[in-house]
PDB file of N, CA and C in Angstrom:
ATOM      1  N   MET A   1      18.021 -45.226   1.575  1.00  0.00           N
ATOM      2  CA  MET A   1      17.887 -43.799   1.588  1.00  0.00           C
ATOM      3  C   MET A   1      16.532 -43.288   1.146  1.00  0.00           C
ATOM      4  N   PHE A   2      15.811 -44.032   0.433  1.00  0.00           N
ATOM      5  CA  PHE A   2      14.543 -43.586  -0.136  1.00  0.00           C
ATOM      6  C   PHE A   2      13.447 -44.184   0.722  1.00  0.00           C
ATOM      7  N   ILE A   3      12.871 -43.422   1.672  1.00  0.00           N
ATOM      8  CA  ILE A   3      11.967 -44.004   2.655  1.00  0.00           C
ATOM      9  C   ILE A   3      10.680 -43.216   2.793  1.00  0.00           C
ATOM     10  N   GLY A   4       9.659 -43.828   3.424  1.00  0.00           N
ATOM     11  CA  GLY A   4       8.379 -43.171   3.645  1.00  0.00           C
ATOM     12  C   GLY A   4       7.312 -43.780   2.755  1.00  0.00           C
ATOM     13  N   ASN A   5       6.061 -43.645   3.115  1.00  0.00           N
ATOM     14  CA  ASN A   5       4.976 -44.276   2.370  1.00  0.00           C
ATOM     15  C   ASN A   5       3.866 -43.300   2.029  1.00  0.00           C
ATOM     16  N   THR A   6       3.249 -43.480   0.850  1.00  0.00           N
ATOM     17  CA  THR A   6       2.030 -42.767   0.508  1.00  0.00           C
ATOM     18  C   THR A   6       0.861 -43.638   0.939  1.00  0.00           C
ATOM     19  N   SER A   7      -0.356 -43.192   0.678  1.00  0.00           N
ATOM     20  CA  SER A   7      -1.523 -43.946   1.108  1.00  0.00           C
ATOM     21  C   SER A   7      -1.630 -45.304   0.431  1.00  0.00           C
ATOM     22  N   ASP A   8      -1.022 -45.496  -0.752  1.00  0.00           N
ATOM     23  CA  ASP A   8      -1.084 -46.809  -1.393  1.00  0.00           C
ATOM     24  C   ASP A   8       0.093 -47.700  -0.995  1.00  0.00           C
ATOM     25  N   GLY A   9       0.917 -47.248  -0.043  1.00  0.00           N
ATOM     26  CA  GLY A   9       2.015 -48.062   0.445  1.00  0.00           C
ATOM     27  C   GLY A   9       3.304 -47.893  -0.327  1.00  0.00           C
ATOM     28  N   THR A  10       3.349 -46.980  -1.261  1.00  0.00           N
ATOM     29  CA  THR A  10       4.544 -46.785  -2.062  1.00  0.00           C
ATOM     30  C   THR A  10       5.584 -45.993  -1.283  1.00  0.00           C
ATOM     31  N   VAL A  11       6.803 -46.468  -1.300  1.00  0.00           N
ATOM     32  CA  VAL A  11       7.888 -45.784  -0.613  1.00  0.00           C
ATOM     33  C   VAL A  11       8.266 -44.543  -1.401  1.00  0.00           C
ATOM     34  N   CYS A  12       8.421 -43.387  -0.712  1.00  0.00           N
ATOM     35  CA  CYS A  12       8.523 -42.168  -1.507  1.00  0.00           C
ATOM     36  C   CYS A  12       9.283 -40.962  -0.972  1.00  0.00           C
ATOM     37  N   LYS A  13       9.954 -40.963   0.149  1.00  0.00           N
ATOM     38  CA  LYS A  13      10.551 -39.705   0.648  1.00  0.00           C
ATOM     39  C   LYS A  13      11.995 -39.869   1.093  1.00  0.00           C
ATOM     40  N   ILE A  14      12.756 -38.796   0.977  1.00  0.00           N
ATOM     41  CA  ILE A  14      14.092 -38.733   1.577  1.00  0.00           C
ATOM     42  C   ILE A  14      14.181 -37.508   2.466  1.00  0.00           C
ATOM     43  N   ASN A  15      14.043 -36.322   1.856  1.00  0.00           N
ATOM     44  CA  ASN A  15      14.205 -35.055   2.584  1.00  0.00           C
ATOM     45  C   ASN A  15      15.493 -35.021   3.397  1.00  0.00           C
ATOM     46  N   GLY A  16      16.605 -35.288   2.742  1.00  0.00           N
ATOM     47  CA  GLY A  16      17.873 -35.294   3.441  1.00  0.00           C
ATOM     48  C   GLY A  16      18.883 -34.382   2.803  1.00  0.00           C
ATOM     49  N   GLY A  17      20.029 -34.305   3.436  1.00  0.00           N
ATOM     50  CA  GLY A  17      21.131 -33.534   2.904  1.00  0.00           C
ATOM     51  C   GLY A  17      22.208 -34.468   2.373  1.00  0.00           C
ATOM     52  N   GLN A  18      22.720 -34.156   1.220  1.00  0.00           N
ATOM     53  CA  GLN A  18      23.799 -34.925   0.626  1.00  0.00           C
ATOM     54  C   GLN A  18      25.055 -34.066   0.630  1.00  0.00           C
ATOM     55  N   HIS A  19      26.205 -34.692   0.598  1.00  0.00           N
ATOM     56  CA  HIS A  19      27.473 -33.984   0.643  1.00  0.00           C
ATOM     57  C   HIS A  19      28.029 -33.792  -0.757  1.00  0.00           C
ATOM     58  N   ALA A  20      28.348 -32.549  -1.099  1.00  0.00           N
ATOM     59  CA  ALA A  20      28.947 -32.249  -2.397  1.00  0.00           C
ATOM     60  C   ALA A  20      30.264 -33.008  -2.537  1.00  0.00           C
ATOM     61  N   GLY A  21      30.517 -33.474  -3.760  1.00  0.00           N
ATOM     62  CA  GLY A  21      31.750 -34.200  -4.036  1.00  0.00           C
ATOM     63  C   GLY A  21      31.674 -35.684  -3.760  1.00  0.00           C
ATOM     64  N   THR A  22      30.517 -36.165  -3.320  1.00  0.00           N
ATOM     65  CA  THR A  22      30.362 -37.592  -3.033  1.00  0.00           C
ATOM     66  C   THR A  22      29.499 -38.251  -4.093  1.00  0.00           C
ATOM     67  N   THR A  23      29.526 -39.566  -4.108  1.00  0.00           N
ATOM     68  CA  THR A  23      28.654 -40.361  -4.956  1.00  0.00           C
ATOM     69  C   THR A  23      27.891 -41.306  -4.052  1.00  0.00           C
ATOM     70  N   GLU A  24      26.570 -41.371  -4.235  1.00  0.00           N
ATOM     71  CA  GLU A  24      25.734 -42.229  -3.392  1.00  0.00           C
ATOM     72  C   GLU A  24      24.988 -43.243  -4.244  1.00  0.00           C
ATOM     73  N   ASP A  25      24.809 -44.430  -3.693  1.00  0.00           N
ATOM     74  CA  ASP A  25      23.940 -45.440  -4.287  1.00  0.00           C
ATOM     75  C   ASP A  25      22.637 -45.436  -3.503  1.00  0.00           C
ATOM     76  N   TRP A  26      21.521 -45.291  -4.210  1.00  0.00           N
ATOM     77  CA  TRP A  26      20.197 -45.304  -3.587  1.00  0.00           C
ATOM     78  C   TRP A  26      19.431 -46.514  -4.090  1.00  0.00           C
ATOM     79  N   THR A  27      18.653 -47.114  -3.208  1.00  0.00           N
ATOM     80  CA  THR A  27      17.701 -48.146  -3.602  1.00  0.00           C
ATOM     81  C   THR A  27      16.313 -47.547  -3.469  1.00  0.00           C
ATOM     82  N   LEU A  28      15.623 -47.443  -4.588  1.00  0.00           N
ATOM     83  CA  LEU A  28      14.266 -46.889  -4.627  1.00  0.00           C
ATOM     84  C   LEU A  28      13.305 -48.051  -4.545  1.00  0.00           C
ATOM     85  N   ARG A  29      12.485 -48.104  -3.514  1.00  0.00           N
ATOM     86  CA  ARG A  29      11.563 -49.232  -3.317  1.00  0.00           C
ATOM     87  C   ARG A  29      10.132 -48.809  -3.612  1.00  0.00           C
ATOM     88  N   ASN A  30       9.434 -49.671  -4.273  1.00  0.00           N
ATOM     89  CA  ASN A  30       8.038 -49.442  -4.628  1.00  0.00           C
ATOM     90  C   ASN A  30       7.221 -50.595  -4.063  1.00  0.00           C
ATOM     91  N   ASN A  31       6.443 -50.345  -3.018  1.00  0.00           N
ATOM     92  CA  ASN A  31       5.617 -51.379  -2.409  1.00  0.00           C
ATOM     93  C   ASN A  31       4.225 -51.446  -3.018  1.00  0.00           C
ATOM     94  N   GLY A  32       3.942 -50.559  -3.963  1.00  0.00           N
ATOM     95  CA  GLY A  32       2.613 -50.482  -4.546  1.00  0.00           C
ATOM     96  C   GLY A  32       2.434 -51.363  -5.774  1.00  0.00           C
ATOM     97  N   PRO A  33       1.209 -51.393  -6.311  1.00  0.00           N
ATOM     98  CA  PRO A  33       0.877 -52.262  -7.446  1.00  0.00           C
ATOM     99  C   PRO A  33       1.158 -51.644  -8.815  1.00  0.00           C
ATOM    100  N   LEU A  34       1.590 -50.375  -8.857  1.00  0.00           N
ATOM    101  CA  LEU A  34       1.848 -49.699 -10.128  1.00  0.00           C
ATOM    102  C   LEU A  34       3.320 -49.321 -10.228  1.00  0.00           C
ATOM    103  N   ALA A  35       3.854 -49.291 -11.446  1.00  0.00           N
ATOM    104  CA  ALA A  35       5.211 -48.795 -11.666  1.00  0.00           C
ATOM    105  C   ALA A  35       5.230 -47.288 -11.427  1.00  0.00           C
ATOM    106  N   HIS A  36       6.351 -46.785 -10.941  1.00  0.00           N
ATOM    107  CA  HIS A  36       6.488 -45.358 -10.684  1.00  0.00           C
ATOM    108  C   HIS A  36       7.739 -44.825 -11.376  1.00  0.00           C
ATOM    109  N   PRO A  37       7.592 -43.813 -12.238  1.00  0.00           N
ATOM    110  CA  PRO A  37       8.754 -43.179 -12.857  1.00  0.00           C
ATOM    111  C   PRO A  37       9.358 -42.154 -11.893  1.00  0.00           C
ATOM    112  N   PHE A  38      10.491 -42.503 -11.304  1.00  0.00           N
ATOM    113  CA  PHE A  38      11.192 -41.644 -10.360  1.00  0.00           C
ATOM    114  C   PHE A  38      12.059 -40.658 -11.145  1.00  0.00           C
ATOM    115  N   HIS A  39      11.940 -39.362 -10.817  1.00  0.00           N
ATOM    116  CA  HIS A  39      12.685 -38.314 -11.515  1.00  0.00           C
ATOM    117  C   HIS A  39      13.444 -37.467 -10.511  1.00  0.00           C
ATOM    118  N   LEU A  40      14.757 -37.295 -10.756  1.00  0.00           N
ATOM    119  CA  LEU A  40      15.601 -36.453  -9.918  1.00  0.00           C
ATOM    120  C   LEU A  40      16.072 -35.265 -10.740  1.00  0.00           C
ATOM    121  N   HIS A  41      15.813 -34.062 -10.248  1.00  0.00           N
ATOM    122  CA  HIS A  41      16.259 -32.847 -10.926  1.00  0.00           C
ATOM    123  C   HIS A  41      17.743 -32.603 -10.633  1.00  0.00           C
ATOM    124  N   ALA A  42      18.457 -32.059 -11.594  1.00  0.00           N
ATOM    125  CA  ALA A  42      19.806 -31.476 -11.464  1.00  0.00           C
ATOM    126  C   ALA A  42      20.967 -32.461 -11.416  1.00  0.00           C
ATOM    127  N   TRP A  43      20.790 -33.652 -10.887  1.00  0.00           N
ATOM    128  CA  TRP A  43      21.896 -34.594 -10.782  1.00  0.00           C
ATOM    129  C   TRP A  43      21.564 -35.874 -11.533  1.00  0.00           C
ATOM    130  N   PRO A  44      22.064 -36.011 -12.757  1.00  0.00           N
ATOM    131  CA  PRO A  44      21.827 -37.257 -13.503  1.00  0.00           C
ATOM    132  C   PRO A  44      22.414 -38.449 -12.745  1.00  0.00           C
ATOM    133  N   PHE A  45      21.760 -39.589 -12.855  1.00  0.00           N
ATOM    134  CA  PHE A  45      22.194 -40.806 -12.174  1.00  0.00           C
ATOM    135  C   PHE A  45      22.321 -41.943 -13.177  1.00  0.00           C
ATOM    136  N   THR A  46      22.979 -43.002 -12.746  1.00  0.00           N
ATOM    137  CA  THR A  46      23.092 -44.208 -13.554  1.00  0.00           C
ATOM    138  C   THR A  46      22.305 -45.313 -12.873  1.00  0.00           C
ATOM    139  N   VAL A  47      21.469 -46.010 -13.625  1.00  0.00           N
ATOM    140  CA  VAL A  47      20.741 -47.155 -13.083  1.00  0.00           C
ATOM    141  C   VAL A  47      21.705 -48.331 -13.025  1.00  0.00           C
ATOM    142  N   LEU A  48      21.841 -48.922 -11.846  1.00  0.00           N
ATOM    143  CA  LEU A  48      22.717 -50.075 -11.679  1.00  0.00           C
ATOM    144  C   LEU A  48      21.983 -51.370 -11.975  1.00  0.00           C
ATOM    145  N   THR A  49      20.771 -51.503 -11.424  1.00  0.00           N
ATOM    146  CA  THR A  49      19.970 -52.702 -11.629  1.00  0.00           C
ATOM    147  C   THR A  49      18.549 -52.442 -11.138  1.00  0.00           C
ATOM    148  N   THR A  50      17.613 -53.269 -11.597  1.00  0.00           N
ATOM    149  CA  THR A  50      16.221 -53.197 -11.129  1.00  0.00           C
ATOM    150  C   THR A  50      15.747 -54.603 -10.795  1.00  0.00           C
ATOM    151  N   SER A  51      14.700 -54.673  -9.986  1.00  0.00           N
ATOM    152  CA  SER A  51      14.192 -55.978  -9.564  1.00  0.00           C
ATOM    153  C   SER A  51      13.587 -56.769 -10.714  1.00  0.00           C
ATOM    154  N   ASP A  52      13.181 -56.107 -11.787  1.00  0.00           N
ATOM    155  CA  ASP A  52      12.618 -56.838 -12.922  1.00  0.00           C
ATOM    156  C   ASP A  52      13.651 -57.132 -14.003  1.00  0.00           C
ATOM    157  N   ALA A  53      14.935 -56.861 -13.682  1.00  0.00           N
ATOM    158  CA  ALA A  53      16.060 -57.174 -14.575  1.00  0.00           C
ATOM    159  C   ALA A  53      16.011 -56.428 -15.905  1.00  0.00           C
ATOM    160  N   THR A  54      15.358 -55.262 -15.938  1.00  0.00           N
ATOM    161  CA  THR A  54      15.409 -54.430 -17.140  1.00  0.00           C
ATOM    162  C   THR A  54      16.869 -54.071 -17.387  1.00  0.00           C
ATOM    163  N   PRO A  55      17.367 -54.265 -18.602  1.00  0.00           N
ATOM    164  CA  PRO A  55      18.778 -53.936 -18.862  1.00  0.00           C
ATOM    165  C   PRO A  55      19.054 -52.456 -18.599  1.00  0.00           C
ATOM    166  N   ALA A  56      20.122 -52.186 -17.872  1.00  0.00           N
ATOM    167  CA  ALA A  56      20.521 -50.805 -17.581  1.00  0.00           C
ATOM    168  C   ALA A  56      21.082 -50.161 -18.838  1.00  0.00           C
ATOM    169  N   ALA A  57      20.746 -48.888 -19.053  1.00  0.00           N
ATOM    170  CA  ALA A  57      21.218 -48.169 -20.235  1.00  0.00           C
ATOM    171  C   ALA A  57      22.710 -47.871 -20.151  1.00  0.00           C
ATOM    172  N   GLY A  58      23.232 -47.757 -18.932  1.00  0.00           N
ATOM    173  CA  GLY A  58      24.654 -47.502 -18.757  1.00  0.00           C
ATOM    174  C   GLY A  58      25.068 -46.059 -19.011  1.00  0.00           C
ATOM    175  N   VAL A  59      24.094 -45.173 -19.133  1.00  0.00           N
ATOM    176  CA  VAL A  59      24.381 -43.756 -19.366  1.00  0.00           C
ATOM    177  C   VAL A  59      23.625 -42.929 -18.328  1.00  0.00           C
ATOM    178  N   PRO A  60      24.102 -41.722 -18.022  1.00  0.00           N
ATOM    179  CA  PRO A  60      23.378 -40.872 -17.074  1.00  0.00           C
ATOM    180  C   PRO A  60      21.960 -40.573 -17.572  1.00  0.00           C
ATOM    181  N   GLN A  61      21.020 -40.587 -16.648  1.00  0.00           N
ATOM    182  CA  GLN A  61      19.624 -40.287 -16.967  1.00  0.00           C
ATOM    183  C   GLN A  61      18.993 -39.602 -15.770  1.00  0.00           C
ATOM    184  N   ASP A  62      17.765 -39.087 -15.966  1.00  0.00           N
ATOM    185  CA  ASP A  62      17.102 -38.395 -14.858  1.00  0.00           C
ATOM    186  C   ASP A  62      15.783 -39.035 -14.461  1.00  0.00           C
ATOM    187  N   VAL A  63      15.392 -40.136 -15.114  1.00  0.00           N
ATOM    188  CA  VAL A  63      14.173 -40.868 -14.771  1.00  0.00           C
ATOM    189  C   VAL A  63      14.476 -42.362 -14.823  1.00  0.00           C
ATOM    190  N   VAL A  64      13.938 -43.096 -13.848  1.00  0.00           N
ATOM    191  CA  VAL A  64      13.984 -44.551 -13.881  1.00  0.00           C
ATOM    192  C   VAL A  64      12.595 -45.051 -13.509  1.00  0.00           C
ATOM    193  N   LEU A  65      12.133 -46.100 -14.190  1.00  0.00           N
ATOM    194  CA  LEU A  65      10.840 -46.704 -13.881  1.00  0.00           C
ATOM    195  C   LEU A  65      11.054 -47.752 -12.795  1.00  0.00           C
ATOM    196  N   VAL A  66      10.477 -47.499 -11.615  1.00  0.00           N
ATOM    197  CA  VAL A  66      10.596 -48.436 -10.496  1.00  0.00           C
ATOM    198  C   VAL A  66       9.440 -49.427 -10.617  1.00  0.00           C
ATOM    199  N   PRO A  67       9.750 -50.714 -10.796  1.00  0.00           N
ATOM    200  CA  PRO A  67       8.703 -51.708 -11.077  1.00  0.00           C
ATOM    201  C   PRO A  67       7.712 -51.861  -9.920  1.00  0.00           C
ATOM    202  N   PRO A  68       6.491 -52.315 -10.235  1.00  0.00           N
ATOM    203  CA  PRO A  68       5.510 -52.589  -9.175  1.00  0.00           C
ATOM    204  C   PRO A  68       6.056 -53.626  -8.198  1.00  0.00           C
ATOM    205  N   ALA A  69       5.838 -53.382  -6.924  1.00  0.00           N
ATOM    206  CA  ALA A  69       6.305 -54.286  -5.866  1.00  0.00           C
ATOM    207  C   ALA A  69       7.774 -54.634  -6.070  1.00  0.00           C
ATOM    208  N   GLY A  70       8.567 -53.648  -6.493  1.00  0.00           N
ATOM    209  CA  GLY A  70       9.967 -53.898  -6.798  1.00  0.00           C
ATOM    210  C   GLY A  70      10.863 -52.762  -6.383  1.00  0.00           C
ATOM    211  N   TRP A  71      12.015 -52.676  -7.025  1.00  0.00           N
ATOM    212  CA  TRP A  71      13.013 -51.684  -6.653  1.00  0.00           C
ATOM    213  C   TRP A  71      13.911 -51.371  -7.841  1.00  0.00           C
ATOM    214  N   ALA A  72      14.622 -50.255  -7.711  1.00  0.00           N
ATOM    215  CA  ALA A  72      15.663 -49.878  -8.662  1.00  0.00           C
ATOM    216  C   ALA A  72      16.843 -49.359  -7.845  1.00  0.00           C
ATOM    217  N   ARG A  73      18.034 -49.734  -8.231  1.00  0.00           N
ATOM    218  CA  ARG A  73      19.241 -49.261  -7.564  1.00  0.00           C
ATOM    219  C   ARG A  73      19.933 -48.283  -8.508  1.00  0.00           C
ATOM    220  N   ILE A  74      20.209 -47.064  -8.005  1.00  0.00           N
ATOM    221  CA  ILE A  74      20.824 -46.028  -8.834  1.00  0.00           C
ATOM    222  C   ILE A  74      22.070 -45.471  -8.155  1.00  0.00           C
ATOM    223  N   ARG A  75      22.977 -44.911  -8.956  1.00  0.00           N
ATOM    224  CA  ARG A  75      24.198 -44.269  -8.451  1.00  0.00           C
ATOM    225  C   ARG A  75      24.157 -42.804  -8.865  1.00  0.00           C
ATOM    226  N   ILE A  76      24.275 -41.918  -7.862  1.00  0.00           N
ATOM    227  CA  ILE A  76      24.168 -40.475  -8.101  1.00  0.00           C
ATOM    228  C   ILE A  76      25.468 -39.790  -7.704  1.00  0.00           C
ATOM    229  N   PRO A  77      26.187 -39.182  -8.668  1.00  0.00           N
ATOM    230  CA  PRO A  77      27.359 -38.388  -8.319  1.00  0.00           C
ATOM    231  C   PRO A  77      26.943 -36.940  -8.021  1.00  0.00           C
ATOM    232  N   PHE A  78      27.083 -36.547  -6.777  1.00  0.00           N
ATOM    233  CA  PHE A  78      26.778 -35.173  -6.374  1.00  0.00           C
ATOM    234  C   PHE A  78      28.065 -34.351  -6.506  1.00  0.00           C
ATOM    235  N   THR A  79      28.580 -34.272  -7.732  1.00  0.00           N
ATOM    236  CA  THR A  79      29.931 -33.741  -7.933  1.00  0.00           C
ATOM    237  C   THR A  79      30.002 -32.443  -8.727  1.00  0.00           C
ATOM    238  N   HIS A  80      28.987 -32.070  -9.471  1.00  0.00           N
ATOM    239  CA  HIS A  80      29.144 -30.916 -10.361  1.00  0.00           C
ATOM    240  C   HIS A  80      28.442 -29.640  -9.910  1.00  0.00           C
ATOM    241  N   GLN A  81      27.687 -29.683  -8.835  1.00  0.00           N
ATOM    242  CA  GLN A  81      27.041 -28.462  -8.339  1.00  0.00           C
ATOM    243  C   GLN A  81      26.508 -28.694  -6.944  1.00  0.00           C
ATOM    244  N   THR A  82      26.182 -27.607  -6.259  1.00  0.00           N
ATOM    245  CA  THR A  82      25.549 -27.684  -4.948  1.00  0.00           C
ATOM    246  C   THR A  82      24.197 -26.997  -5.036  1.00  0.00           C
ATOM    247  N   GLY A  83      23.405 -27.167  -3.991  1.00  0.00           N
ATOM    248  CA  GLY A  83      22.115 -26.496  -3.926  1.00  0.00           C
ATOM    249  C   GLY A  83      20.980 -27.450  -3.603  1.00  0.00           C
ATOM    250  N   ARG A  84      19.793 -26.906  -3.654  1.00  0.00           N
ATOM    251  CA  ARG A  84      18.582 -27.633  -3.309  1.00  0.00           C
ATOM    252  C   ARG A  84      17.765 -27.889  -4.567  1.00  0.00           C
ATOM    253  N   THR A  85      17.186 -29.067  -4.643  1.00  0.00           N
ATOM    254  CA  THR A  85      16.314 -29.409  -5.760  1.00  0.00           C
ATOM    255  C   THR A  85      15.302 -30.454  -5.303  1.00  0.00           C
ATOM    256  N   VAL A  86      14.522 -30.952  -6.241  1.00  0.00           N
ATOM    257  CA  VAL A  86      13.469 -31.910  -5.900  1.00  0.00           C
ATOM    258  C   VAL A  86      13.650 -33.208  -6.673  1.00  0.00           C
ATOM    259  N   TYR A  87      12.994 -34.221  -6.148  1.00  0.00           N
ATOM    260  CA  TYR A  87      12.789 -35.477  -6.869  1.00  0.00           C
ATOM    261  C   TYR A  87      11.335 -35.843  -6.651  1.00  0.00           C
ATOM    262  N   HIS A  88      10.773 -36.602  -7.594  1.00  0.00           N
ATOM    263  CA  HIS A  88       9.354 -36.909  -7.503  1.00  0.00           C
ATOM    264  C   HIS A  88       8.970 -38.028  -8.452  1.00  0.00           C
ATOM    265  N   CYS A  89       7.760 -38.535  -8.267  1.00  0.00           N
ATOM    266  CA  CYS A  89       7.170 -39.465  -9.216  1.00  0.00           C
ATOM    267  C   CYS A  89       6.664 -38.637 -10.392  1.00  0.00           C
ATOM    268  N   HIS A  90       6.889 -39.120 -11.603  1.00  0.00           N
ATOM    269  CA  HIS A  90       6.466 -38.373 -12.786  1.00  0.00           C
ATOM    270  C   HIS A  90       4.991 -38.564 -13.132  1.00  0.00           C
ATOM    271  N   ILE A  91       4.249 -39.284 -12.314  1.00  0.00           N
ATOM    272  CA  ILE A  91       2.795 -39.374 -12.477  1.00  0.00           C
ATOM    273  C   ILE A  91       2.216 -38.210 -11.678  1.00  0.00           C
ATOM    274  N   LEU A  92       1.617 -37.258 -12.374  1.00  0.00           N
ATOM    275  CA  LEU A  92       1.213 -35.999 -11.750  1.00  0.00           C
ATOM    276  C   LEU A  92       0.338 -36.190 -10.520  1.00  0.00           C
ATOM    277  N   ASP A  93      -0.634 -37.103 -10.568  1.00  0.00           N
ATOM    278  CA  ASP A  93      -1.490 -37.328  -9.404  1.00  0.00           C
ATOM    279  C   ASP A  93      -0.675 -37.804  -8.205  1.00  0.00           C
ATOM    280  N   HIS A  94       0.316 -38.639  -8.450  1.00  0.00           N
ATOM    281  CA  HIS A  94       1.152 -39.133  -7.353  1.00  0.00           C
ATOM    282  C   HIS A  94       1.990 -37.999  -6.770  1.00  0.00           C
ATOM    283  N   GLU A  95       2.544 -37.195  -7.641  1.00  0.00           N
ATOM    284  CA  GLU A  95       3.331 -36.044  -7.194  1.00  0.00           C
ATOM    285  C   GLU A  95       2.477 -35.138  -6.312  1.00  0.00           C
ATOM    286  N   ASP A  96       1.253 -34.872  -6.748  1.00  0.00           N
ATOM    287  CA  ASP A  96       0.342 -34.005  -5.995  1.00  0.00           C
ATOM    288  C   ASP A  96      -0.043 -34.604  -4.644  1.00  0.00           C
ATOM    289  N   LEU A  97      -0.030 -35.934  -4.539  1.00  0.00           N
ATOM    290  CA  LEU A  97      -0.413 -36.608  -3.298  1.00  0.00           C
ATOM    291  C   LEU A  97       0.766 -36.838  -2.365  1.00  0.00           C
ATOM    292  N   GLY A  98       1.923 -36.277  -2.672  1.00  0.00           N
ATOM    293  CA  GLY A  98       3.034 -36.352  -1.735  1.00  0.00           C
ATOM    294  C   GLY A  98       4.252 -37.106  -2.200  1.00  0.00           C
ATOM    295  N   MET A  99       4.250 -37.642  -3.405  1.00  0.00           N
ATOM    296  CA  MET A  99       5.427 -38.347  -3.886  1.00  0.00           C
ATOM    297  C   MET A  99       6.398 -37.344  -4.484  1.00  0.00           C
ATOM    298  N   MET A 100       6.806 -36.395  -3.654  1.00  0.00           N
ATOM    299  CA  MET A 100       7.737 -35.342  -4.055  1.00  0.00           C
ATOM    300  C   MET A 100       8.459 -34.881  -2.798  1.00  0.00           C
ATOM    301  N   ALA A 101       9.757 -34.640  -2.923  1.00  0.00           N
ATOM    302  CA  ALA A 101      10.523 -34.184  -1.775  1.00  0.00           C
ATOM    303  C   ALA A 101      11.749 -33.414  -2.252  1.00  0.00           C
ATOM    304  N   THR A 102      12.450 -32.821  -1.296  1.00  0.00           N
ATOM    305  CA  THR A 102      13.645 -32.032  -1.627  1.00  0.00           C
ATOM    306  C   THR A 102      14.890 -32.686  -1.090  1.00  0.00           C
ATOM    307  N   ILE A 103      16.009 -32.384  -1.734  1.00  0.00           N
ATOM    308  CA  ILE A 103      17.323 -32.722  -1.206  1.00  0.00           C
ATOM    309  C   ILE A 103      18.165 -31.458  -1.269  1.00  0.00           C
ATOM    310  N   ASP A 104      19.169 -31.400  -0.429  1.00  0.00           N
ATOM    311  CA  ASP A 104      20.030 -30.231  -0.368  1.00  0.00           C
ATOM    312  C   ASP A 104      21.475 -30.708  -0.379  1.00  0.00           C
ATOM    313  N   VAL A 105      22.186 -30.409  -1.446  1.00  0.00           N
ATOM    314  CA  VAL A 105      23.576 -30.838  -1.602  1.00  0.00           C
ATOM    315  C   VAL A 105      24.490 -29.678  -1.220  1.00  0.00           C
ATOM    316  N   GLN A 106      25.290 -29.857  -0.190  1.00  0.00           N
ATOM    317  CA  GLN A 106      26.210 -28.825   0.300  1.00  0.00           C
ATOM    318  C   GLN A 106      27.585 -29.413   0.539  1.00  0.00           C
TER     319      GLN A 106
END
């Protein structure tokens, strides 16, 4: 679900619609040489696993560090509200260069 590339090859876009009342598992892929802190507004998620085997906290959170040349698998319950919001890399320069997108839960 998390697709698209920035100039450094990092996977970074969805721009899709999600269905209210559902739970989705996303795999966030990072093809670049730097870790990227992925942040989703409004819908806390649970980290299931990462490619670097960082132990999962097991609690809802809104940021996960996607390892360099790696991935993170997260579970998002779109169950408590509807509407449009954003997700992005928490590195401001990356966000400004396009590592930011919207989702719309209806």
